[in-house]
Amino acid sequence: MIGQGEAFATLAELRAAGKIRHYGASVYTAEKGRAAIDTGGAGVLMLPTNLIAQEQGAEVLPHAAACGVGVQARSPLATGC
């Protein structure tokens, strides 16, 4: 199993080689979201954010905006119908 740091290093190599232009990360915690931005170079994050659970978005959104990283809400209906 590949670790988070190894995955981001491989993605950075692929980007440097011109094989990919951008990549994103799907994360479950605000801590992992900040790490994906700071050490991973992700251009976009998928983050669990909805009307019930807004804490993670509140923690990550200002940092993502300051770094020019997009955020896509995952589970916007809180896994409901």
N, C-alpha and C. Protein backbone atom coordinates (compact mmCIF):
# COMPACT_ATOMS: atom_id res chain seq x y z
N MET A 1 0.84 -1.18 0.00
CA MET A 1 0.00 0.00 0.00
C MET A 1 0.89 1.25 0.00
N ILE A 2 0.56 2.18 -0.85
CA ILE A 2 1.37 3.40 -0.98
C ILE A 2 0.92 4.42 0.07
N GLY A 3 1.87 5.09 0.68
CA GLY A 3 1.56 6.11 1.68
C GLY A 3 1.21 7.43 1.03
N GLN A 4 0.60 8.31 1.84
CA GLN A 4 0.18 9.62 1.34
C GLN A 4 1.35 10.41 0.79
N GLY A 5 2.46 10.44 1.51
CA GLY A 5 3.63 11.19 1.05
C GLY A 5 4.19 10.64 -0.24
N GLU A 6 4.22 9.31 -0.37
CA GLU A 6 4.72 8.69 -1.60
C GLU A 6 3.80 8.99 -2.78
N ALA A 7 2.50 8.98 -2.52
CA ALA A 7 1.54 9.27 -3.60
C ALA A 7 1.73 10.70 -4.10
N PHE A 8 1.85 11.65 -3.18
CA PHE A 8 2.04 13.04 -3.59
C PHE A 8 3.37 13.23 -4.30
N ALA A 9 4.40 12.53 -3.87
CA ALA A 9 5.70 12.63 -4.54
C ALA A 9 5.61 12.11 -5.97
N THR A 10 4.91 11.02 -6.16
CA THR A 10 4.73 10.46 -7.50
C THR A 10 3.92 11.41 -8.38
N LEU A 11 2.86 11.98 -7.82
CA LEU A 11 2.06 12.94 -8.59
C LEU A 11 2.88 14.17 -8.96
N ALA A 12 3.72 14.63 -8.06
CA ALA A 12 4.59 15.78 -8.36
C ALA A 12 5.56 15.45 -9.49
N GLU A 13 6.08 14.23 -9.48
CA GLU A 13 6.99 13.80 -10.55
C GLU A 13 6.25 13.75 -11.89
N LEU A 14 5.04 13.22 -11.88
CA LEU A 14 4.25 13.16 -13.11
C LEU A 14 3.93 14.56 -13.65
N ARG A 15 3.64 15.48 -12.74
CA ARG A 15 3.36 16.85 -13.16
C ARG A 15 4.62 17.49 -13.74
N ALA A 16 5.76 17.30 -13.08
CA ALA A 16 7.02 17.86 -13.56
C ALA A 16 7.40 17.30 -14.94
N ALA A 17 7.04 16.05 -15.18
CA ALA A 17 7.35 15.41 -16.46
C ALA A 17 6.34 15.76 -17.56
N GLY A 18 5.32 16.53 -17.20
CA GLY A 18 4.32 16.93 -18.17
C GLY A 18 3.28 15.86 -18.47
N LYS A 19 3.25 14.81 -17.67
CA LYS A 19 2.29 13.72 -17.88
C LYS A 19 0.89 14.11 -17.40
N ILE A 20 0.81 14.94 -16.37
CA ILE A 20 -0.46 15.44 -15.86
C ILE A 20 -0.33 16.94 -15.63
N ARG A 21 -1.43 17.65 -15.67
CA ARG A 21 -1.39 19.08 -15.40
C ARG A 21 -1.76 19.40 -13.96
N HIS A 22 -2.79 18.72 -13.47
CA HIS A 22 -3.30 18.99 -12.13
C HIS A 22 -3.75 17.69 -11.50
N TYR A 23 -3.88 17.69 -10.20
CA TYR A 23 -4.47 16.54 -9.50
C TYR A 23 -5.14 17.03 -8.24
N GLY A 24 -6.03 16.22 -7.73
CA GLY A 24 -6.76 16.57 -6.53
C GLY A 24 -6.67 15.46 -5.51
N ALA A 25 -7.24 15.72 -4.35
CA ALA A 25 -7.22 14.74 -3.27
C ALA A 25 -8.60 14.70 -2.61
N SER A 26 -9.04 13.51 -2.30
CA SER A 26 -10.28 13.33 -1.56
C SER A 26 -9.88 12.99 -0.13
N VAL A 27 -10.27 13.83 0.82
CA VAL A 27 -9.84 13.67 2.21
C VAL A 27 -11.04 13.63 3.14
N TYR A 28 -10.83 13.08 4.32
CA TYR A 28 -11.91 12.97 5.30
C TYR A 28 -11.75 13.94 6.47
N THR A 29 -10.56 14.46 6.70
CA THR A 29 -10.35 15.33 7.85
C THR A 29 -9.73 16.65 7.41
N ALA A 30 -9.93 17.66 8.23
CA ALA A 30 -9.34 18.97 7.95
C ALA A 30 -7.82 18.88 7.97
N GLU A 31 -7.28 18.09 8.87
CA GLU A 31 -5.82 17.92 8.95
C GLU A 31 -5.26 17.37 7.65
N LYS A 32 -5.91 16.35 7.09
CA LYS A 32 -5.44 15.77 5.82
C LYS A 32 -5.63 16.77 4.68
N GLY A 33 -6.68 17.57 4.76
CA GLY A 33 -6.90 18.60 3.74
C GLY A 33 -5.79 19.62 3.73
N ARG A 34 -5.41 20.09 4.91
CA ARG A 34 -4.30 21.05 4.99
C ARG A 34 -3.01 20.42 4.50
N ALA A 35 -2.78 19.14 4.84
CA ALA A 35 -1.56 18.46 4.39
C ALA A 35 -1.55 18.31 2.87
N ALA A 36 -2.70 18.01 2.28
CA ALA A 36 -2.77 17.87 0.83
C ALA A 36 -2.44 19.19 0.14
N ILE A 37 -2.83 20.28 0.75
CA ILE A 37 -2.52 21.60 0.20
C ILE A 37 -1.05 21.94 0.42
N ASP A 38 -0.58 21.79 1.65
CA ASP A 38 0.76 22.25 2.02
C ASP A 38 1.88 21.36 1.48
N THR A 39 1.71 20.07 1.53
CA THR A 39 2.79 19.18 1.12
C THR A 39 2.49 18.42 -0.15
N GLY A 40 1.22 18.35 -0.50
CA GLY A 40 0.84 17.54 -1.66
C GLY A 40 0.71 18.30 -2.95
N GLY A 41 0.48 19.59 -2.88
CA GLY A 41 0.32 20.37 -4.09
C GLY A 41 -0.98 20.11 -4.83
N ALA A 42 -1.98 19.59 -4.12
CA ALA A 42 -3.27 19.32 -4.75
C ALA A 42 -3.90 20.62 -5.24
N GLY A 43 -4.51 20.57 -6.42
CA GLY A 43 -5.17 21.74 -6.97
C GLY A 43 -6.63 21.85 -6.56
N VAL A 44 -7.18 20.74 -6.08
CA VAL A 44 -8.57 20.73 -5.63
C VAL A 44 -8.72 19.65 -4.57
N LEU A 45 -9.61 19.90 -3.62
CA LEU A 45 -9.90 18.93 -2.56
C LEU A 45 -11.36 18.55 -2.61
N MET A 46 -11.64 17.29 -2.33
CA MET A 46 -13.01 16.85 -2.06
C MET A 46 -13.07 16.66 -0.55
N LEU A 47 -13.98 17.37 0.08
CA LEU A 47 -14.04 17.41 1.53
C LEU A 47 -15.48 17.19 1.98
N PRO A 48 -15.70 16.32 2.99
CA PRO A 48 -17.07 16.14 3.48
C PRO A 48 -17.60 17.45 4.05
N THR A 49 -18.54 18.04 3.35
CA THR A 49 -19.13 19.30 3.77
C THR A 49 -20.61 19.28 3.40
N ASN A 50 -21.45 19.59 4.38
CA ASN A 50 -22.89 19.64 4.14
C ASN A 50 -23.52 20.49 5.23
N LEU A 51 -24.83 20.61 5.22
CA LEU A 51 -25.50 21.46 6.20
C LEU A 51 -25.36 20.94 7.63
N ILE A 52 -25.16 19.64 7.79
CA ILE A 52 -25.03 19.05 9.12
C ILE A 52 -23.59 19.13 9.62
N ALA A 53 -22.65 18.79 8.77
CA ALA A 53 -21.23 18.75 9.15
C ALA A 53 -20.48 19.84 8.39
N GLN A 54 -20.32 20.99 9.02
CA GLN A 54 -19.64 22.11 8.38
C GLN A 54 -18.27 22.41 8.96
N GLU A 55 -17.91 21.70 10.03
CA GLU A 55 -16.67 22.02 10.74
C GLU A 55 -15.43 21.91 9.85
N GLN A 56 -15.34 20.82 9.08
CA GLN A 56 -14.14 20.60 8.28
C GLN A 56 -13.99 21.67 7.21
N GLY A 57 -15.11 22.01 6.58
CA GLY A 57 -15.05 23.06 5.57
C GLY A 57 -14.64 24.39 6.17
N ALA A 58 -15.17 24.69 7.35
CA ALA A 58 -14.83 25.96 8.01
C ALA A 58 -13.34 26.03 8.33
N GLU A 59 -12.73 24.89 8.63
CA GLU A 59 -11.30 24.88 8.95
C GLU A 59 -10.44 24.96 7.70
N VAL A 60 -10.86 24.32 6.63
CA VAL A 60 -10.01 24.20 5.44
C VAL A 60 -10.26 25.29 4.40
N LEU A 61 -11.50 25.76 4.27
CA LEU A 61 -11.82 26.71 3.20
C LEU A 61 -10.97 27.97 3.19
N PRO A 62 -10.74 28.64 4.33
CA PRO A 62 -9.89 29.84 4.27
C PRO A 62 -8.47 29.54 3.80
N HIS A 63 -7.92 28.43 4.26
CA HIS A 63 -6.56 28.05 3.85
C HIS A 63 -6.52 27.71 2.37
N ALA A 64 -7.52 26.96 1.91
CA ALA A 64 -7.58 26.59 0.49
C ALA A 64 -7.70 27.85 -0.37
N ALA A 65 -8.56 28.77 0.03
CA ALA A 65 -8.74 30.00 -0.74
C ALA A 65 -7.44 30.81 -0.79
N ALA A 66 -6.75 30.89 0.32
CA ALA A 66 -5.49 31.64 0.36
C ALA A 66 -4.42 31.02 -0.53
N CYS A 67 -4.51 29.70 -0.73
CA CYS A 67 -3.52 28.99 -1.54
C CYS A 67 -3.98 28.75 -2.98
N GLY A 68 -5.18 29.24 -3.32
CA GLY A 68 -5.69 29.07 -4.67
C GLY A 68 -6.13 27.65 -4.99
N VAL A 69 -6.56 26.91 -3.98
CA VAL A 69 -6.98 25.52 -4.15
C VAL A 69 -8.51 25.46 -4.12
N GLY A 70 -9.09 24.77 -5.09
CA GLY A 70 -10.53 24.61 -5.13
C GLY A 70 -11.00 23.56 -4.14
N VAL A 71 -12.26 23.66 -3.73
CA VAL A 71 -12.84 22.69 -2.81
C VAL A 71 -14.18 22.24 -3.37
N GLN A 72 -14.35 20.94 -3.44
CA GLN A 72 -15.60 20.35 -3.88
C GLN A 72 -16.24 19.64 -2.69
N ALA A 73 -17.51 19.90 -2.46
CA ALA A 73 -18.22 19.27 -1.34
C ALA A 73 -18.47 17.81 -1.66
N ARG A 74 -18.12 16.95 -0.71
CA ARG A 74 -18.44 15.54 -0.82
C ARG A 74 -19.55 15.27 0.19
N SER A 75 -20.51 14.44 -0.17
CA SER A 75 -21.67 14.13 0.67
C SER A 75 -22.46 15.39 1.00
N PRO A 76 -22.81 16.20 0.00
CA PRO A 76 -23.52 17.45 0.29
C PRO A 76 -24.90 17.24 0.94
N LEU A 77 -25.46 16.04 0.78
CA LEU A 77 -26.74 15.74 1.40
C LEU A 77 -26.56 14.87 2.64
N ALA A 78 -25.35 14.84 3.18
CA ALA A 78 -25.04 14.05 4.39
C ALA A 78 -25.39 12.59 4.19
N THR A 79 -25.11 12.05 3.02
CA THR A 79 -25.40 10.66 2.61
C THR A 79 -26.86 10.32 2.71
N GLY A 80 -27.72 11.32 2.67
CA GLY A 80 -29.17 11.09 2.67
C GLY A 80 -29.70 11.10 1.25
N CYS A 81 -30.98 10.99 1.12
CA CYS A 81 -31.63 10.97 -0.20
C CYS A 81 -31.89 12.35 -0.73
